[in-house]
Amino acid sequence: MLKNKVSIYIPSTINVNQKTDNKKQVNDTCVFLSGLYGGCTSFNAAGCWVDKTGELVKENITIIYAYCTSLQLLKSKKSIINYCRELCREMSQEAISLEINNKLYFID
């Protein structure tokens, strides 16, 4: 049974609020999660958050998720966190949201 859910939130901005084409990051994340767990699903959403200066940032995001076993999650958790750190640097973000089993983590 696949009772664990891992979701990575891909922003559509770089440097906090500059719009960018995130197709590469979305595709790379789909490849990454599918490689770990055999497949994934993605959907578009609207995200809002307050940046370090107190400004509200609104943007389109893509949420990519996959289900896995407890053993798969245990073995891959470090790789997922490292992947999110690299994505954060690549997209010049303050943090990338990583959701695991309905708990949200901000990876910077």
N, C-alpha and C. Protein backbone atom coordinates (compact mmCIF):
# COMPACT_ATOMS: atom_id res chain seq x y z
N MET A 1 0.84 -1.17 0.00
CA MET A 1 0.00 0.00 0.00
C MET A 1 0.90 1.25 0.00
N LEU A 2 0.53 2.22 -0.81
CA LEU A 2 1.27 3.49 -0.89
C LEU A 2 0.56 4.51 0.00
N LYS A 3 0.97 4.62 1.23
CA LYS A 3 0.27 5.48 2.18
C LYS A 3 0.99 6.80 2.46
N ASN A 4 2.12 7.03 1.83
CA ASN A 4 2.87 8.26 2.03
C ASN A 4 2.79 9.12 0.78
N LYS A 5 2.63 10.43 0.98
CA LYS A 5 2.54 11.37 -0.13
C LYS A 5 3.62 12.43 0.00
N VAL A 6 4.35 12.63 -1.10
CA VAL A 6 5.42 13.63 -1.17
C VAL A 6 5.04 14.62 -2.26
N SER A 7 5.02 15.93 -1.91
CA SER A 7 4.67 16.97 -2.87
C SER A 7 5.75 18.05 -2.87
N ILE A 8 6.12 18.48 -4.07
CA ILE A 8 7.08 19.58 -4.24
C ILE A 8 6.36 20.70 -4.97
N TYR A 9 6.47 21.91 -4.42
CA TYR A 9 5.80 23.08 -4.99
C TYR A 9 6.81 23.85 -5.84
N ILE A 10 6.51 23.96 -7.13
CA ILE A 10 7.42 24.64 -8.06
C ILE A 10 6.90 26.05 -8.32
N PRO A 11 7.68 27.07 -7.97
CA PRO A 11 7.23 28.45 -8.20
C PRO A 11 7.32 28.82 -9.68
N SER A 12 6.66 29.92 -10.03
CA SER A 12 6.74 30.43 -11.40
C SER A 12 7.51 31.75 -11.42
N THR A 13 8.30 31.96 -10.37
CA THR A 13 9.10 33.18 -10.28
C THR A 13 10.54 32.81 -9.92
N ILE A 14 11.42 33.76 -10.19
CA ILE A 14 12.79 33.70 -9.69
C ILE A 14 13.04 35.00 -8.95
N ASN A 15 14.05 34.99 -8.10
CA ASN A 15 14.36 36.20 -7.32
C ASN A 15 13.12 36.76 -6.64
N VAL A 16 12.36 35.92 -6.03
CA VAL A 16 11.16 36.21 -5.25
C VAL A 16 9.94 36.48 -6.13
N ASN A 17 9.99 37.52 -7.01
CA ASN A 17 8.75 37.89 -7.69
C ASN A 17 8.89 38.21 -9.18
N GLN A 18 9.97 37.77 -9.81
CA GLN A 18 10.14 37.97 -11.25
C GLN A 18 9.63 36.73 -11.99
N LYS A 19 8.63 36.92 -12.83
CA LYS A 19 8.04 35.78 -13.54
C LYS A 19 9.08 35.08 -14.40
N THR A 20 8.97 33.75 -14.45
CA THR A 20 9.88 32.94 -15.26
C THR A 20 9.12 31.75 -15.82
N ASP A 21 9.67 31.16 -16.84
CA ASP A 21 9.14 29.93 -17.40
C ASP A 21 9.68 28.77 -16.57
N ASN A 22 8.82 28.05 -15.88
CA ASN A 22 9.26 26.97 -14.99
C ASN A 22 9.09 25.58 -15.61
N LYS A 23 8.90 25.50 -16.92
CA LYS A 23 8.67 24.20 -17.57
C LYS A 23 9.82 23.22 -17.33
N LYS A 24 11.06 23.71 -17.37
CA LYS A 24 12.21 22.84 -17.13
C LYS A 24 12.17 22.27 -15.72
N GLN A 25 11.92 23.13 -14.73
CA GLN A 25 11.89 22.67 -13.34
C GLN A 25 10.72 21.71 -13.09
N VAL A 26 9.58 21.98 -13.72
CA VAL A 26 8.43 21.08 -13.59
C VAL A 26 8.79 19.72 -14.19
N ASN A 27 9.35 19.73 -15.40
CA ASN A 27 9.71 18.48 -16.06
C ASN A 27 10.78 17.73 -15.24
N ASP A 28 11.80 18.44 -14.79
CA ASP A 28 12.87 17.80 -14.01
C ASP A 28 12.31 17.18 -12.74
N THR A 29 11.37 17.85 -12.09
CA THR A 29 10.78 17.33 -10.86
C THR A 29 9.92 16.11 -11.13
N CYS A 30 9.19 16.12 -12.25
CA CYS A 30 8.41 14.93 -12.64
C CYS A 30 9.35 13.74 -12.89
N VAL A 31 10.45 13.97 -13.56
CA VAL A 31 11.43 12.91 -13.82
C VAL A 31 12.01 12.41 -12.49
N PHE A 32 12.35 13.34 -11.60
CA PHE A 32 12.94 12.99 -10.31
C PHE A 32 11.99 12.13 -9.48
N LEU A 33 10.75 12.59 -9.28
CA LEU A 33 9.80 11.84 -8.45
C LEU A 33 9.41 10.52 -9.11
N SER A 34 9.25 10.53 -10.43
CA SER A 34 8.92 9.28 -11.12
C SER A 34 10.05 8.27 -11.01
N GLY A 35 11.28 8.76 -11.04
CA GLY A 35 12.42 7.87 -10.86
C GLY A 35 12.47 7.24 -9.48
N LEU A 36 12.07 8.01 -8.48
CA LEU A 36 12.07 7.49 -7.11
C LEU A 36 10.90 6.54 -6.85
N TYR A 37 9.72 6.91 -7.35
CA TYR A 37 8.50 6.21 -6.94
C TYR A 37 7.69 5.59 -8.06
N GLY A 38 8.14 5.71 -9.29
CA GLY A 38 7.43 5.06 -10.39
C GLY A 38 6.42 5.92 -11.12
N GLY A 39 6.14 7.10 -10.62
CA GLY A 39 5.19 8.01 -11.28
C GLY A 39 4.86 9.18 -10.39
N CYS A 40 4.16 10.15 -10.96
CA CYS A 40 3.76 11.33 -10.20
C CYS A 40 2.59 11.99 -10.90
N THR A 41 2.01 12.97 -10.24
CA THR A 41 0.91 13.76 -10.78
C THR A 41 1.23 15.22 -10.53
N SER A 42 0.84 16.08 -11.47
CA SER A 42 1.06 17.52 -11.26
C SER A 42 -0.23 18.28 -11.52
N PHE A 43 -0.36 19.42 -10.85
CA PHE A 43 -1.49 20.31 -11.11
C PHE A 43 -1.07 21.74 -10.80
N ASN A 44 -1.76 22.67 -11.44
CA ASN A 44 -1.49 24.09 -11.25
C ASN A 44 -2.34 24.64 -10.12
N ALA A 45 -1.79 25.59 -9.40
CA ALA A 45 -2.50 26.22 -8.29
C ALA A 45 -2.02 27.67 -8.18
N ALA A 46 -2.72 28.45 -7.39
CA ALA A 46 -2.30 29.82 -7.09
C ALA A 46 -1.71 29.81 -5.69
N GLY A 47 -0.55 30.42 -5.55
CA GLY A 47 0.11 30.47 -4.25
C GLY A 47 0.32 31.91 -3.81
N CYS A 48 0.19 32.15 -2.53
CA CYS A 48 0.43 33.47 -1.94
C CYS A 48 1.28 33.28 -0.70
N TRP A 49 2.22 34.20 -0.51
CA TRP A 49 3.06 34.14 0.68
C TRP A 49 3.66 35.51 0.92
N VAL A 50 4.14 35.73 2.13
CA VAL A 50 4.75 37.01 2.49
C VAL A 50 6.26 36.84 2.47
N ASP A 51 6.95 37.70 1.70
CA ASP A 51 8.41 37.58 1.59
C ASP A 51 9.09 38.22 2.80
N LYS A 52 10.41 38.21 2.80
CA LYS A 52 11.18 38.71 3.95
C LYS A 52 11.00 40.20 4.19
N THR A 53 10.55 40.93 3.17
CA THR A 53 10.32 42.37 3.34
C THR A 53 8.90 42.68 3.78
N GLY A 54 8.07 41.65 3.93
CA GLY A 54 6.69 41.85 4.36
C GLY A 54 5.70 42.03 3.23
N GLU A 55 6.17 41.90 1.99
CA GLU A 55 5.30 42.07 0.83
C GLU A 55 4.59 40.75 0.50
N LEU A 56 3.33 40.87 0.08
CA LEU A 56 2.58 39.69 -0.36
C LEU A 56 2.98 39.37 -1.79
N VAL A 57 3.39 38.13 -2.01
CA VAL A 57 3.74 37.65 -3.34
C VAL A 57 2.66 36.67 -3.78
N LYS A 58 2.06 36.92 -4.95
CA LYS A 58 1.07 36.01 -5.53
C LYS A 58 1.66 35.45 -6.80
N GLU A 59 1.54 34.16 -6.98
CA GLU A 59 2.09 33.55 -8.18
C GLU A 59 1.39 32.24 -8.50
N ASN A 60 1.52 31.85 -9.75
CA ASN A 60 1.07 30.53 -10.16
C ASN A 60 2.15 29.55 -9.76
N ILE A 61 1.74 28.39 -9.27
CA ILE A 61 2.68 27.35 -8.89
C ILE A 61 2.23 26.04 -9.51
N THR A 62 3.15 25.11 -9.59
CA THR A 62 2.82 23.75 -10.00
C THR A 62 3.17 22.84 -8.83
N ILE A 63 2.21 22.06 -8.41
CA ILE A 63 2.43 21.11 -7.33
C ILE A 63 2.55 19.72 -7.96
N ILE A 64 3.65 19.06 -7.65
CA ILE A 64 3.91 17.73 -8.19
C ILE A 64 3.98 16.77 -7.01
N TYR A 65 3.18 15.70 -7.07
CA TYR A 65 3.18 14.77 -5.94
C TYR A 65 3.28 13.33 -6.41
N ALA A 66 3.73 12.51 -5.48
CA ALA A 66 3.83 11.07 -5.71
C ALA A 66 3.52 10.35 -4.41
N TYR A 67 3.02 9.15 -4.55
CA TYR A 67 2.79 8.29 -3.39
C TYR A 67 3.88 7.23 -3.32
N CYS A 68 4.20 6.81 -2.10
CA CYS A 68 5.25 5.82 -1.92
C CYS A 68 5.02 5.02 -0.65
N THR A 69 5.80 3.97 -0.51
CA THR A 69 5.76 3.17 0.71
C THR A 69 6.58 3.86 1.80
N SER A 70 6.42 3.41 3.00
CA SER A 70 7.20 3.96 4.12
C SER A 70 8.69 3.70 3.91
N LEU A 71 9.05 2.55 3.40
CA LEU A 71 10.45 2.22 3.16
C LEU A 71 11.03 3.11 2.05
N GLN A 72 10.27 3.32 0.98
CA GLN A 72 10.73 4.21 -0.09
C GLN A 72 10.96 5.63 0.45
N LEU A 73 10.05 6.11 1.27
CA LEU A 73 10.18 7.45 1.84
C LEU A 73 11.42 7.54 2.72
N LEU A 74 11.62 6.56 3.55
CA LEU A 74 12.78 6.55 4.44
C LEU A 74 14.09 6.59 3.63
N LYS A 75 14.15 5.80 2.57
CA LYS A 75 15.36 5.72 1.76
C LYS A 75 15.59 6.98 0.92
N SER A 76 14.53 7.70 0.57
CA SER A 76 14.67 8.81 -0.37
C SER A 76 14.58 10.20 0.27
N LYS A 77 14.25 10.28 1.54
CA LYS A 77 14.00 11.58 2.16
C LYS A 77 15.17 12.54 2.02
N LYS A 78 16.38 12.07 2.24
CA LYS A 78 17.56 12.94 2.12
C LYS A 78 17.73 13.44 0.69
N SER A 79 17.50 12.56 -0.28
CA SER A 79 17.60 12.96 -1.70
C SER A 79 16.56 14.01 -2.05
N ILE A 80 15.36 13.88 -1.51
CA ILE A 80 14.30 14.84 -1.80
C ILE A 80 14.67 16.21 -1.22
N ILE A 81 15.15 16.23 -0.01
CA ILE A 81 15.54 17.49 0.61
C ILE A 81 16.68 18.13 -0.17
N ASN A 82 17.66 17.36 -0.56
CA ASN A 82 18.77 17.89 -1.37
C ASN A 82 18.27 18.41 -2.71
N TYR A 83 17.34 17.71 -3.33
CA TYR A 83 16.77 18.16 -4.60
C TYR A 83 16.09 19.52 -4.41
N CYS A 84 15.32 19.67 -3.35
CA CYS A 84 14.62 20.93 -3.08
C CYS A 84 15.62 22.06 -2.80
N ARG A 85 16.70 21.77 -2.12
CA ARG A 85 17.74 22.79 -1.88
C ARG A 85 18.34 23.27 -3.19
N GLU A 86 18.62 22.34 -4.09
CA GLU A 86 19.18 22.71 -5.39
C GLU A 86 18.16 23.50 -6.20
N LEU A 87 16.92 23.11 -6.17
CA LEU A 87 15.85 23.84 -6.86
C LEU A 87 15.73 25.26 -6.31
N CYS A 88 15.85 25.40 -5.02
CA CYS A 88 15.80 26.71 -4.37
C CYS A 88 16.92 27.61 -4.89
N ARG A 89 18.11 27.07 -4.97
CA ARG A 89 19.25 27.85 -5.49
C ARG A 89 19.07 28.17 -6.97
N GLU A 90 18.66 27.17 -7.74
CA GLU A 90 18.48 27.34 -9.19
C GLU A 90 17.47 28.43 -9.51
N MET A 91 16.42 28.52 -8.70
CA MET A 91 15.35 29.48 -8.97
C MET A 91 15.47 30.74 -8.11
N SER A 92 16.56 30.88 -7.39
CA SER A 92 16.81 32.06 -6.54
C SER A 92 15.61 32.35 -5.63
N GLN A 93 15.18 31.33 -4.91
CA GLN A 93 14.05 31.44 -4.01
C GLN A 93 14.51 31.57 -2.56
N GLU A 94 13.63 32.12 -1.71
CA GLU A 94 13.91 32.13 -0.28
C GLU A 94 13.77 30.71 0.28
N ALA A 95 12.83 29.94 -0.29
CA ALA A 95 12.60 28.55 0.13
C ALA A 95 11.73 27.86 -0.91
N ILE A 96 11.79 26.54 -0.90
CA ILE A 96 10.90 25.69 -1.70
C ILE A 96 10.03 24.92 -0.72
N SER A 97 8.73 24.87 -1.01
CA SER A 97 7.82 24.12 -0.15
C SER A 97 7.86 22.64 -0.50
N LEU A 98 8.03 21.84 0.53
CA LEU A 98 8.02 20.38 0.42
C LEU A 98 6.98 19.87 1.41
N GLU A 99 6.01 19.14 0.90
CA GLU A 99 4.97 18.59 1.76
C GLU A 99 5.12 17.08 1.82
N ILE A 100 5.20 16.56 3.04
CA ILE A 100 5.27 15.12 3.25
C ILE A 100 4.19 14.74 4.24
N ASN A 101 3.26 13.94 3.78
CA ASN A 101 2.17 13.45 4.62
C ASN A 101 1.45 14.58 5.37
N ASN A 102 1.06 15.61 4.61
CA ASN A 102 0.30 16.75 5.13
C ASN A 102 1.08 17.63 6.10
N LYS A 103 2.39 17.53 6.09
CA LYS A 103 3.24 18.43 6.88
C LYS A 103 4.10 19.21 5.90
N LEU A 104 4.09 20.53 6.04
CA LEU A 104 4.80 21.40 5.11
C LEU A 104 6.15 21.83 5.68
N TYR A 105 7.19 21.71 4.86
CA TYR A 105 8.54 22.11 5.22
C TYR A 105 9.00 23.16 4.22
N PHE A 106 9.74 24.16 4.69
CA PHE A 106 10.32 25.16 3.82
C PHE A 106 11.81 24.84 3.71
N ILE A 107 12.22 24.43 2.52
CA ILE A 107 13.61 24.01 2.30
C ILE A 107 14.36 25.16 1.66
N ASP A 108 15.45 25.59 2.32
CA ASP A 108 16.24 26.69 1.77
C ASP A 108 17.68 26.29 1.58
